Amino acid sequence: MSETNDARVAVISIIVEEPGCVPAINEILHAAADSIIGRMGIPYREKNISIISVVVDAPQDVISNISGRLGRLSGATVKTAYSKK
């Protein structure tokens, strides 16, 4: 986790609509493990999707890089919410 003054806390929300993109998601998150506070995944079987929430503590450019890489994956929708502090 980041200890610099420019670090922010954010939640990266991922809706997985195509299971084939899950290995790429896991690879990106594994590479960012030092910035991740925690993650939670919920399968929503009735809609055949999964929802993943990832809480990160890192400089904004690192968070943007992670969410940008995730957002470019086909089969997933990604949004990021930042803390105000």
Protein backbone atom coordinates (compact mmCIF):
# COMPACT_ATOMS: atom_id res chain seq x y z
CA MET A 1 0.00 0.00 0.00
CA SER A 2 1.14 3.45 -0.76
CA GLU A 3 2.43 5.70 2.01
CA THR A 4 3.06 8.80 -0.08
CA ASN A 5 1.11 12.00 0.46
CA ASP A 6 -0.44 11.83 -3.00
CA ALA A 7 -2.05 8.44 -2.34
CA ARG A 8 -5.80 8.14 -2.62
CA VAL A 9 -8.27 5.47 -1.70
CA ALA A 10 -10.55 4.29 -4.48
CA VAL A 11 -12.95 1.50 -5.33
CA ILE A 12 -12.64 -0.06 -8.76
CA SER A 13 -15.91 -1.77 -9.70
CA ILE A 14 -15.83 -4.42 -12.40
CA ILE A 15 -18.86 -6.07 -13.97
CA VAL A 16 -17.78 -9.21 -15.78
CA GLU A 17 -20.13 -10.10 -18.63
CA GLU A 18 -17.82 -12.53 -20.45
CA PRO A 19 -16.07 -15.13 -18.25
CA GLY A 20 -13.25 -15.36 -20.78
CA CYS A 21 -11.80 -12.04 -19.57
CA VAL A 22 -11.38 -13.25 -15.96
CA PRO A 23 -7.79 -14.53 -16.39
CA ALA A 24 -6.74 -11.11 -17.74
CA ILE A 25 -8.51 -9.36 -14.84
CA ASN A 26 -6.71 -11.58 -12.33
CA GLU A 27 -3.36 -10.94 -14.04
CA ILE A 28 -3.85 -7.15 -13.84
CA LEU A 29 -4.94 -7.32 -10.20
CA HIS A 30 -2.05 -9.62 -9.29
CA ALA A 31 0.40 -7.12 -10.79
CA ALA A 32 -1.20 -4.37 -8.66
CA ALA A 33 -1.24 -6.43 -5.44
CA ASP A 34 0.89 -3.91 -3.50
CA SER A 35 -1.80 -1.25 -3.97
CA ILE A 36 -4.82 -3.44 -3.20
CA ILE A 37 -6.38 -3.25 0.27
CA GLY A 38 -8.99 -5.90 -0.50
CA ARG A 39 -11.32 -7.30 -3.09
CA MET A 40 -14.72 -8.96 -3.14
CA GLY A 41 -16.29 -10.95 -5.94
CA ILE A 42 -19.96 -11.81 -6.21
CA PRO A 43 -21.34 -14.17 -8.84
CA TYR A 44 -24.82 -13.16 -9.97
CA ARG A 45 -25.95 -16.41 -11.54
CA GLU A 46 -29.44 -15.21 -12.44
CA LYS A 47 -27.94 -12.61 -14.78
CA ASN A 48 -24.88 -14.70 -15.74
CA ILE A 49 -22.47 -11.94 -14.63
CA SER A 50 -20.00 -11.39 -11.81
CA ILE A 51 -19.33 -8.22 -9.86
CA ILE A 52 -15.88 -7.51 -8.45
CA SER A 53 -15.06 -4.61 -6.12
CA VAL A 54 -11.40 -3.79 -5.57
CA VAL A 55 -10.32 -1.25 -2.92
CA VAL A 56 -6.96 0.37 -3.60
CA ASP A 57 -4.67 2.84 -1.84
CA ALA A 58 -2.24 4.34 -4.35
CA PRO A 59 -1.32 7.53 -6.19
CA GLN A 60 -3.99 8.61 -8.66
CA ASP A 61 -1.83 7.76 -11.68
CA VAL A 62 -1.41 4.18 -10.43
CA ILE A 63 -5.16 3.83 -9.85
CA SER A 64 -5.86 5.28 -13.29
CA ASN A 65 -3.41 2.84 -14.84
CA ILE A 66 -5.06 -0.15 -13.16
CA SER A 67 -8.61 0.94 -14.03
CA GLY A 68 -7.55 1.87 -17.57
CA ARG A 69 -6.02 -1.54 -18.20
CA LEU A 70 -9.13 -3.22 -16.81
CA GLY A 71 -11.42 -0.94 -18.81
CA ARG A 72 -9.78 -1.93 -22.09
CA LEU A 73 -10.70 -5.58 -21.59
CA SER A 74 -13.48 -6.85 -23.78
CA GLY A 75 -16.25 -8.42 -21.72
CA ALA A 76 -15.91 -6.21 -18.64
CA THR A 77 -17.29 -2.82 -17.62
CA VAL A 78 -15.17 -0.81 -15.18
CA LYS A 79 -15.86 2.31 -13.10
CA THR A 80 -13.72 3.91 -10.41
CA ALA A 81 -14.84 6.02 -7.44
CA TYR A 82 -12.22 8.05 -5.56
CA SER A 83 -12.26 9.22 -1.96
CA LYS A 84 -12.15 12.98 -1.48
CA LYS A 85 -9.17 12.69 0.90
